[in-house]
Structures are given as C-alpha cells and as structure tokens.
Amino acid sequence: MQIPLLGEVTPLRALFLFLFFYSNDSNSLGTWSTFGAGMLLSNLASECKSDRINWSHLAMSAGVTFSVLIYASLYLEQMRMMIFLSLQSLFVPLYKYRMCRVLKQGSAQAEGEKSDEGSKREGEGEEGVDMHVEISWQRLFPALLALMVFLYLWDGLSGLTSGTLFLIVMPEFTARLKGKLATIGFFLLVILISAPIGALVIGAMYFEREMMEVPEQYKSTAKWILGARPESVPDYYSIIGVRRGADAGEIKKQFRELSKIYHPDKTAGNPELQQRFVQISEAVRKLTGKATDRAAYYKELETAELTDMVTRSVYYCLLFGLWFLMTVLAFLGNRKQQAAGGEGEEGAVAQEPKPKVPRSKGQKYWLLLSLLVYPLWLWVEAYWKD
C-alpha cells in the first residue's frame, strides 16, 4: 500500500508508529513532528533512488527533511526517534539500493512444449542465461553489524538499539534463512538470549522487593549488559571516578588529584573545565556528608538504575514479541502461498497479475493485531505507573 510522502506502508512500520503514537500525546507537536519526519524521510529516499535525480528538487527536500529532524531532536527531545526513522526510512534502504545490489547470473531452462514420456528432444534441457539483481548479503551484513555495535556502545540496549535490531536488522537476517533446522535453531537461540531480559521485566512487575535484594554482582552484570544510564539522578561516583560505595577518605584523595587539573586557578578562561570542577565539588559534597544523606542518595541512584533497566527491558521485550509474531505469521503466509502454487501443473502456469486493492487481507490481519496489542500496552503502562 502506497501513501503520498510516506511511501510503502509495511505492517511492521504501521504497528510501530501506532505504538509510538499511543506512548505520546497525540496532540503534541513532538508526535506530529515525528510522523512528518517519517513521511519526509520516505519521500527523500524515493527521490534518491530515482534513476534521473532532480538535484534542485532533491536539495530542497533534503533541506526541509533535515530541518524537521534537527528541530525535533533539539527542541522536542525526540533525538532517538529521529535517528531510528532516519535509519529505517532513509539510510539503510539507500545503502541497500546503492551499495548492496549486485547482478547475479542464474540458469533457466528453455521454454518449449512438453514431449511424451520416453521421448527426448535435442532442444530440451537447453539452458539459457538469466540475469537478475540481488541484495548482496556479504555487503549488507557487515554494515548492519557495525551499526548495531555502534548503537550499543553509544546508547546501550535502549529503545533505539532494540528497535534497530528487531525492525531493521532481524527482518533482513530471517529473510535469508534456509532450511527448517536452521530457522528453528535461530529462533531458539534468540529466545534463549532474550529470556533473561524477559525475566527482568517479570521480576520488576511482581517481585520488586526481591530484586532490590539481589547481590550486587548480578545487578552490575545486568546494568552492564543493558547499559543502564539513568538521567534523572547523576552518578556522583562516576563523576569523581571512584568505585561505587567508596569511603570518604578515598573520595577526598581522588578530589585532591582532580583539583590539580580542574581547579579554577588552573583553568582560567575555560568555562567548560570550570563547570566540570563545579560538578566534581558537588559530587564530593554529597558523598562526604552525613551517612544518612549518603545512604539516601545511594538508594535513590539504585532505584533510578533499576527503573532504567526495566524500561530498556520492556522496550526490548515488546519489540522482540512484535518481531517474533510477525515473522511467524509471514512464514505461515509464505508456506500457504507455496502450497497453493504447487498444486498440479496448472499452478505453475503464469497468470496475469491482479489489480492492486487498497487493503489486502494480510493488512487487515495486521490491523486486528494492533487492536490486540493496544489493551496489552494499556495494562503494562497502568501497572508500571502504580
């Protein structure tokens, strides 16, 4: 289904946009700026794929598109969503189209009338050259792998990283799986990897007190894997550069070392380093004050990290479930289509393409699926707020 400016609307993209719209105020400028950015990016990608590019029109479209992206990123705090839409609608499709298309040579049997059983013709079995365009997996996979590594190192296992993994990378990978055993093994591997993250979500919903009492070693491992970086509470330990739970003597010793570098007498005329010294002084004051204040801060920091971990895990699990369900439904649909096309000799006869209809049966199924996801999303959000 094609929509002006937006281009091809896949069920995956439509359902993801639905979840995004629900998770924000539909009347806010940020939501509609994000939706407009998605349409502009799809339109820009279509213009870049044209064989005869109108450069003046392309420059104008690019200027408008990136102006919306910058505005939504800086002023509406939608940077991660802008990055995801740019990857999904512009950069990855363009990279596939411009850099990964290769011309492959295949074999096709010459067409001819079928002969009777036992008879052989000299022209039968004659092979002809069949040239076709394919996407080179050897070019696409390293680029997607490098993209995932960069996003993970930059932002941890955030909604941006999980969305890129399950809505961009995994569909490309699963489309190239061959054989039932390889497909089943791959899905089992992904489920096993995702199981601990799902257990974290379940534990946060039903066993919050028990999770707070988990040994620090396990919590540190989970924080490292998920890349927990709470923005609501500053991590004074990392600002000073000491281990979590360091005593006052160790903190003051580190402060004296940092003062030799960031003290205002040594950084005159450099406001960035002076601001850094202000942050370090504030951190030292918080961590060397009363014991009750330090305990309260440590608990607040731990709670903020747990909240950030669970938020990242919820995004991961929702996107994983969405990808898994849609992949299974697509596999069943392809299997049914192959079974219908293989019945008898008449099934192989080429037929004239049917005219496109505004909405197919599969798209109606995806719409029904989105309606089923809606109450689940309501329940998760209401439970988490409580």
Protein backbone atom coordinates (compact mmCIF):
# COMPACT_ATOMS: atom_id res chain seq x y z
CA MET A 1 0.00 0.00 0.00
CA GLN A 2 1.43 3.36 -1.06
CA ILE A 3 0.67 6.67 0.62
CA PRO A 4 1.90 10.01 -0.77
CA LEU A 5 5.07 11.21 1.01
CA LEU A 6 5.13 8.16 3.28
CA GLY A 7 5.72 5.61 0.53
CA GLU A 8 5.14 1.91 1.16
CA VAL A 9 3.40 1.27 4.47
CA THR A 10 4.50 -2.10 5.80
CA PRO A 11 2.53 -3.72 8.62
CA LEU A 12 5.64 -3.54 10.83
CA ARG A 13 6.08 0.18 10.31
CA ALA A 14 2.37 0.88 10.74
CA LEU A 15 2.18 -1.03 14.03
CA PHE A 16 5.36 0.59 15.34
CA LEU A 17 4.01 4.05 14.55
CA PHE A 18 0.77 3.11 16.31
CA LEU A 19 2.67 2.18 19.47
CA PHE A 20 4.66 5.38 19.25
CA PHE A 21 1.53 7.50 18.85
CA TYR A 22 -0.08 5.88 21.85
CA SER A 23 3.01 6.32 24.04
CA ASN A 24 2.91 10.10 23.42
CA ASP A 25 0.26 12.78 23.50
CA SER A 26 -1.36 12.64 20.06
CA ASN A 27 -1.96 16.38 20.20
CA SER A 28 1.66 17.29 21.00
CA LEU A 29 3.91 18.94 18.47
CA GLY A 30 6.60 16.33 19.08
CA THR A 31 4.37 13.46 17.97
CA TRP A 32 3.28 15.08 14.75
CA SER A 33 6.79 16.33 14.01
CA THR A 34 7.99 12.75 14.28
CA PHE A 35 5.24 11.49 12.00
CA GLY A 36 6.01 14.25 9.49
CA ALA A 37 9.72 13.41 9.65
CA GLY A 38 8.92 9.79 8.79
CA MET A 39 6.93 10.85 5.72
CA LEU A 40 9.62 13.28 4.61
CA LEU A 41 12.37 10.69 5.02
CA SER A 42 10.46 8.10 2.96
CA ASN A 43 9.85 10.68 0.26
CA LEU A 44 13.53 11.69 0.26
CA ALA A 45 14.60 8.04 -0.05
CA SER A 46 12.29 7.59 -3.07
CA GLU A 47 13.82 10.63 -4.76
CA CYS A 48 17.35 9.38 -4.10
CA LYS A 49 16.51 6.00 -5.67
CA SER A 50 15.35 7.61 -8.91
CA ASP A 51 17.47 6.89 -12.00
CA ARG A 52 17.22 10.53 -13.06
CA ILE A 53 17.61 12.70 -9.98
CA ASN A 54 16.33 16.25 -10.00
CA TRP A 55 19.11 17.77 -7.90
CA SER A 56 17.42 21.09 -7.20
CA HIS A 57 14.24 19.36 -6.00
CA LEU A 58 16.31 16.84 -4.04
CA ALA A 59 18.27 19.63 -2.29
CA MET A 60 15.03 21.36 -1.31
CA SER A 61 13.51 18.12 0.02
CA ALA A 62 16.69 17.31 1.95
CA GLY A 63 16.76 20.79 3.48
CA VAL A 64 13.16 20.56 4.68
CA THR A 65 13.61 16.99 5.95
CA PHE A 66 16.76 17.60 7.95
CA SER A 67 15.37 20.87 9.31
CA VAL A 68 12.46 18.91 10.79
CA LEU A 69 14.88 16.28 12.14
CA ILE A 70 17.09 18.88 13.83
CA TYR A 71 14.11 20.75 15.27
CA ALA A 72 12.51 17.60 16.67
CA SER A 73 15.85 16.37 18.06
CA LEU A 74 16.99 19.57 19.77
CA TYR A 75 13.79 21.33 20.80
CA LEU A 76 11.31 18.47 21.18
CA GLU A 77 13.72 15.90 22.68
CA GLN A 78 12.95 13.29 20.04
CA MET A 79 16.54 12.56 19.02
CA ARG A 80 16.43 8.78 19.37
CA MET A 81 13.20 8.50 17.42
CA MET A 82 14.64 10.76 14.69
CA ILE A 83 17.72 8.56 14.45
CA PHE A 84 15.60 5.41 14.20
CA LEU A 85 13.35 6.85 11.50
CA SER A 86 16.39 8.06 9.57
CA LEU A 87 17.93 4.59 9.68
CA GLN A 88 14.72 2.76 8.81
CA SER A 89 13.36 5.06 6.12
CA LEU A 90 16.45 6.62 4.54
CA PHE A 91 19.97 5.41 5.26
CA VAL A 92 19.52 1.62 5.34
CA PRO A 93 17.26 1.50 2.24
CA LEU A 94 19.64 3.78 0.35
CA TYR A 95 22.65 1.71 1.36
CA LYS A 96 20.90 -1.44 0.15
CA TYR A 97 19.90 0.20 -3.12
CA ARG A 98 23.18 1.94 -3.93
CA MET A 99 25.83 -0.31 -2.40
CA CYS A 100 24.40 -3.83 -1.99
CA ARG A 101 22.72 -4.53 -5.32
CA VAL A 102 24.67 -6.98 -7.47
CA LEU A 103 23.92 -8.60 -10.81
CA LYS A 104 23.70 -12.37 -10.49
CA GLN A 105 23.74 -14.95 -13.24
CA GLY A 106 21.35 -17.87 -12.97
CA SER A 107 20.19 -20.67 -15.22
CA ALA A 108 16.79 -21.14 -16.69
CA GLN A 109 15.57 -23.97 -18.89
CA ALA A 110 14.47 -23.05 -22.38
CA GLU A 111 10.75 -22.92 -22.88
CA GLY A 112 9.17 -25.49 -25.13
CA GLU A 113 6.34 -27.91 -25.48
CA LYS A 114 6.32 -30.94 -23.26
CA SER A 115 7.15 -34.17 -25.00
CA ASP A 116 5.59 -37.55 -24.43
CA GLU A 117 7.07 -39.93 -21.86
CA GLY A 118 10.25 -41.61 -23.05
CA SER A 119 10.79 -39.20 -25.97
CA LYS A 120 13.80 -36.89 -25.96
CA ARG A 121 14.38 -33.76 -27.98
CA GLU A 122 17.66 -32.14 -28.70
CA GLY A 123 16.36 -28.74 -27.64
CA GLU A 124 15.01 -29.99 -24.33
CA GLY A 125 17.20 -29.21 -21.33
CA GLU A 126 18.90 -26.39 -23.14
CA GLU A 127 19.94 -23.74 -20.65
CA GLY A 128 19.83 -20.00 -21.09
CA VAL A 129 21.39 -17.17 -19.16
CA ASP A 130 19.15 -15.47 -16.63
CA MET A 131 20.50 -12.22 -15.17
CA HIS A 132 18.80 -10.80 -12.11
CA VAL A 133 19.54 -8.25 -9.38
CA GLU A 134 20.01 -9.39 -5.79
CA ILE A 135 20.98 -7.77 -2.50
CA SER A 136 24.48 -8.91 -1.56
CA TRP A 137 24.42 -10.28 1.98
CA GLN A 138 28.23 -10.03 2.11
CA ARG A 139 27.93 -6.25 1.75
CA LEU A 140 24.81 -5.71 3.85
CA PHE A 141 25.61 -7.85 6.91
CA PRO A 142 28.92 -6.17 7.95
CA ALA A 143 27.32 -2.73 7.68
CA LEU A 144 24.33 -3.75 9.83
CA LEU A 145 26.63 -5.43 12.35
CA ALA A 146 28.79 -2.31 12.60
CA LEU A 147 25.65 -0.21 13.04
CA MET A 148 24.42 -2.37 15.92
CA VAL A 149 27.82 -2.31 17.65
CA PHE A 150 27.96 1.48 17.37
CA LEU A 151 24.43 1.96 18.75
CA TYR A 152 25.05 -0.43 21.63
CA LEU A 153 28.31 1.25 22.63
CA TRP A 154 26.72 4.69 22.36
CA ASP A 155 23.32 4.12 23.99
CA GLY A 156 23.29 0.63 25.48
CA LEU A 157 20.30 -1.64 24.92
CA SER A 158 17.88 1.27 24.62
CA GLY A 159 14.66 1.54 22.65
CA LEU A 160 16.69 2.86 19.71
CA THR A 161 19.06 -0.12 19.75
CA SER A 162 16.25 -2.66 20.22
CA GLY A 163 14.13 -1.02 17.53
CA THR A 164 17.03 -1.10 15.07
CA LEU A 165 17.72 -4.72 15.94
CA PHE A 166 14.19 -6.07 15.60
CA LEU A 167 12.70 -3.75 12.97
CA ILE A 168 15.69 -3.31 10.64
CA VAL A 169 18.39 -5.95 11.17
CA MET A 170 16.47 -9.09 12.13
CA PRO A 171 13.97 -8.98 9.21
CA GLU A 172 16.93 -8.83 6.82
CA PHE A 173 18.52 -11.82 8.52
CA THR A 174 15.44 -14.02 8.85
CA ALA A 175 14.54 -13.43 5.19
CA ARG A 176 17.77 -15.23 4.24
CA LEU A 177 17.44 -18.27 6.50
CA LYS A 178 17.32 -21.52 4.54
CA GLY A 179 16.13 -24.84 5.86
CA LYS A 180 13.79 -25.72 8.69
CA LEU A 181 16.55 -26.77 11.10
CA ALA A 182 18.48 -23.53 10.63
CA THR A 183 15.32 -21.47 11.10
CA ILE A 184 14.21 -23.33 14.24
CA GLY A 185 17.71 -23.21 15.69
CA PHE A 186 17.98 -19.47 15.08
CA PHE A 187 14.64 -18.75 16.75
CA LEU A 188 15.53 -20.91 19.75
CA LEU A 189 18.85 -19.07 20.09
CA VAL A 190 17.14 -15.67 20.05
CA ILE A 191 14.57 -16.86 22.62
CA LEU A 192 17.31 -18.14 24.94
CA ILE A 193 19.21 -14.86 24.68
CA SER A 194 16.06 -12.82 25.33
CA ALA A 195 14.78 -14.96 28.22
CA PRO A 196 16.85 -13.24 30.97
CA ILE A 197 15.62 -9.82 29.82
CA GLY A 198 12.04 -11.05 29.94
CA ALA A 199 12.68 -12.45 33.42
CA LEU A 200 13.86 -9.00 34.50
CA VAL A 201 10.56 -7.45 33.36
CA ILE A 202 8.51 -10.10 35.17
CA GLY A 203 10.61 -9.67 38.30
CA ALA A 204 10.13 -5.90 38.29
CA MET A 205 6.37 -6.31 37.96
CA TYR A 206 5.82 -8.97 40.61
CA PHE A 207 8.99 -9.22 42.74
CA GLU A 208 10.27 -5.66 43.10
CA ARG A 209 11.41 -6.06 46.71
CA GLU A 210 13.27 -9.30 45.95
CA MET A 211 15.05 -7.66 43.02
CA MET A 212 16.36 -4.89 45.25
CA GLU A 213 17.95 -7.57 47.45
CA VAL A 214 19.74 -9.34 44.58
CA PRO A 215 23.54 -9.49 45.07
CA GLU A 216 25.42 -6.53 43.67
CA GLN A 217 27.37 -8.76 41.28
CA TYR A 218 24.22 -9.80 39.41
CA LYS A 219 22.88 -6.26 39.31
CA SER A 220 26.19 -4.95 37.99
CA THR A 221 26.15 -7.57 35.22
CA ALA A 222 22.59 -6.63 34.23
CA LYS A 223 23.48 -2.92 34.26
CA TRP A 224 26.48 -3.59 32.04
CA ILE A 225 24.52 -5.68 29.52
CA LEU A 226 21.57 -3.29 29.34
CA GLY A 227 23.74 -0.17 29.52
CA ALA A 228 21.67 1.40 32.31
CA ARG A 229 22.30 5.15 32.31
CA PRO A 230 19.65 6.95 34.37
CA GLU A 231 19.37 10.63 33.51
CA SER A 232 17.17 11.63 36.45
CA VAL A 233 19.84 11.04 39.13
CA PRO A 234 23.52 11.96 38.49
CA ASP A 235 26.08 9.27 39.25
CA TYR A 236 28.44 11.14 41.57
CA TYR A 237 30.75 8.15 41.88
CA SER A 238 31.44 8.12 38.13
CA ILE A 239 31.81 11.93 38.10
CA ILE A 240 34.60 11.68 40.66
CA GLY A 241 35.99 8.48 39.19
CA VAL A 242 35.78 6.16 42.20
CA ARG A 243 34.16 2.79 42.75
CA ARG A 244 30.59 2.51 43.94
CA GLY A 245 30.46 2.67 47.73
CA ALA A 246 33.92 4.25 48.23
CA ASP A 247 34.59 5.73 51.68
CA ALA A 248 35.15 9.42 52.45
CA GLY A 249 38.95 9.08 52.57
CA GLU A 250 39.15 7.59 49.10
CA ILE A 251 36.79 10.24 47.72
CA LYS A 252 38.78 13.13 49.22
CA LYS A 253 42.04 11.68 47.91
CA GLN A 254 40.58 11.50 44.40
CA PHE A 255 39.26 15.06 44.78
CA ARG A 256 42.75 16.37 45.54
CA GLU A 257 44.06 14.73 42.38
CA LEU A 258 41.26 16.20 40.28
CA SER A 259 41.77 19.65 41.80
CA LYS A 260 45.23 19.73 40.30
CA ILE A 261 43.61 19.58 36.85
CA TYR A 262 40.22 21.30 37.16
CA HIS A 263 40.75 23.96 39.87
CA PRO A 264 39.64 27.44 38.64
CA ASP A 265 43.16 28.80 39.23
CA LYS A 266 44.46 26.32 36.64
CA THR A 267 41.54 26.61 34.16
CA ALA A 268 41.15 30.38 33.88
CA GLY A 269 39.38 31.28 30.65
CA ASN A 270 37.98 27.77 30.08
CA PRO A 271 34.34 27.71 31.25
CA GLU A 272 33.86 24.01 30.36
CA LEU A 273 36.62 22.86 32.72
CA GLN A 274 35.38 25.25 35.41
CA GLN A 275 31.89 23.77 35.13
CA ARG A 276 33.46 20.34 35.43
CA PHE A 277 35.09 21.40 38.71
CA VAL A 278 31.70 22.61 39.99
CA GLN A 279 30.22 19.16 39.26
CA ILE A 280 33.11 17.41 40.99
CA SER A 281 32.78 19.66 44.06
CA GLU A 282 29.04 19.00 44.24
CA ALA A 283 29.65 15.25 44.00
CA VAL A 284 32.25 15.33 46.77
CA ARG A 285 29.94 17.36 48.99
CA LYS A 286 27.11 14.86 48.50
CA LEU A 287 29.25 11.77 49.08
CA THR A 288 31.22 13.03 52.10
CA GLY A 289 28.29 14.48 54.02
CA LYS A 290 26.12 12.77 56.60
CA ALA A 291 25.86 8.99 56.49
CA THR A 292 22.08 9.19 56.23
CA ASP A 293 22.36 11.52 53.23
CA ARG A 294 24.81 9.15 51.51
CA ALA A 295 22.54 6.17 52.15
CA ALA A 296 19.53 8.06 50.82
CA TYR A 297 21.44 9.09 47.69
CA TYR A 298 22.72 5.55 47.10
CA LYS A 299 19.20 4.15 47.34
CA GLU A 300 17.88 6.85 45.01
CA LEU A 301 20.61 6.09 42.46
CA GLU A 302 19.98 2.35 42.68
CA THR A 303 16.24 2.83 42.21
CA ALA A 304 16.83 5.08 39.17
CA GLU A 305 19.16 2.49 37.64
CA LEU A 306 16.64 -0.29 38.23
CA THR A 307 13.91 1.82 36.64
CA ASP A 308 16.10 2.50 33.61
CA MET A 309 16.99 -1.20 33.32
CA VAL A 310 13.35 -2.26 33.42
CA THR A 311 12.35 0.44 30.91
CA ARG A 312 15.01 -0.79 28.47
CA SER A 313 13.91 -4.39 29.06
CA VAL A 314 10.24 -3.55 28.41
CA TYR A 315 11.13 -1.93 25.08
CA TYR A 316 13.27 -4.93 24.17
CA CYS A 317 10.58 -7.48 25.06
CA LEU A 318 7.79 -5.61 23.25
CA LEU A 319 9.86 -5.25 20.09
CA PHE A 320 11.06 -8.85 20.32
CA GLY A 321 7.49 -10.12 20.69
CA LEU A 322 6.35 -7.96 17.79
CA TRP A 323 9.15 -9.20 15.53
CA PHE A 324 8.66 -12.85 16.55
CA LEU A 325 4.91 -12.84 15.99
CA MET A 326 5.09 -11.06 12.65
CA THR A 327 7.89 -13.32 11.44
CA VAL A 328 5.89 -16.43 12.31
CA LEU A 329 2.78 -15.06 10.59
CA ALA A 330 4.81 -14.14 7.50
CA PHE A 331 6.33 -17.64 7.44
CA LEU A 332 2.89 -19.26 7.65
CA GLY A 333 1.60 -16.98 4.90
CA ASN A 334 4.50 -17.86 2.58
CA ARG A 335 4.04 -21.54 3.31
CA LYS A 336 0.35 -21.35 2.43
CA GLN A 337 1.15 -19.45 -0.75
CA GLN A 338 3.74 -22.03 -1.82
CA ALA A 339 1.31 -24.86 -1.14
CA ALA A 340 -1.34 -23.14 -3.25
CA GLY A 341 1.10 -22.53 -6.10
CA GLY A 342 2.39 -26.12 -6.14
CA GLU A 343 -0.93 -27.91 -6.64
CA GLY A 344 -0.88 -29.60 -10.01
CA GLU A 345 0.70 -28.49 -13.25
CA GLU A 346 -1.78 -25.68 -13.67
CA GLY A 347 -0.49 -23.96 -10.53
CA ALA A 348 2.84 -23.29 -12.28
CA VAL A 349 1.25 -21.53 -15.25
CA ALA A 350 1.93 -17.80 -15.11
CA GLN A 351 -1.21 -15.74 -14.69
CA GLU A 352 -1.86 -12.11 -15.31
CA PRO A 353 -1.25 -10.01 -12.18
CA LYS A 354 -4.36 -8.96 -10.38
CA PRO A 355 -5.01 -5.28 -9.90
CA LYS A 356 -3.89 -3.90 -6.55
CA VAL A 357 -6.55 -3.32 -3.97
CA PRO A 358 -6.40 -0.59 -1.32
CA ARG A 359 -6.12 -3.07 1.54
CA SER A 360 -5.26 -6.75 1.42
CA LYS A 361 -6.38 -9.47 3.77
CA GLY A 362 -2.94 -9.58 5.36
CA GLN A 363 -3.10 -5.86 6.14
CA LYS A 364 -6.46 -6.41 7.80
CA TYR A 365 -4.85 -9.10 9.96
CA TRP A 366 -2.13 -6.66 11.00
CA LEU A 367 -4.77 -4.09 11.87
CA LEU A 368 -6.52 -6.68 14.03
CA LEU A 369 -3.18 -7.49 15.64
CA SER A 370 -2.64 -3.83 16.53
CA LEU A 371 -6.04 -3.77 18.22
CA LEU A 372 -5.00 -6.77 20.32
CA VAL A 373 -1.69 -5.12 21.27
CA TYR A 374 -3.48 -1.95 22.40
CA PRO A 375 -5.07 -3.36 25.63
CA LEU A 376 -1.80 -5.17 26.44
CA TRP A 377 0.07 -1.87 26.19
CA LEU A 378 -2.57 -0.18 28.39
CA TRP A 379 -2.22 -2.84 31.04
CA VAL A 380 1.61 -2.70 31.12
CA GLU A 381 1.64 1.11 31.36
CA ALA A 382 -1.06 1.23 34.06
CA TYR A 383 0.69 -1.45 36.11
CA TRP A 384 4.04 0.28 35.79
CA LYS A 385 2.63 3.66 36.91
CA ASP A 386 1.16 2.06 40.01
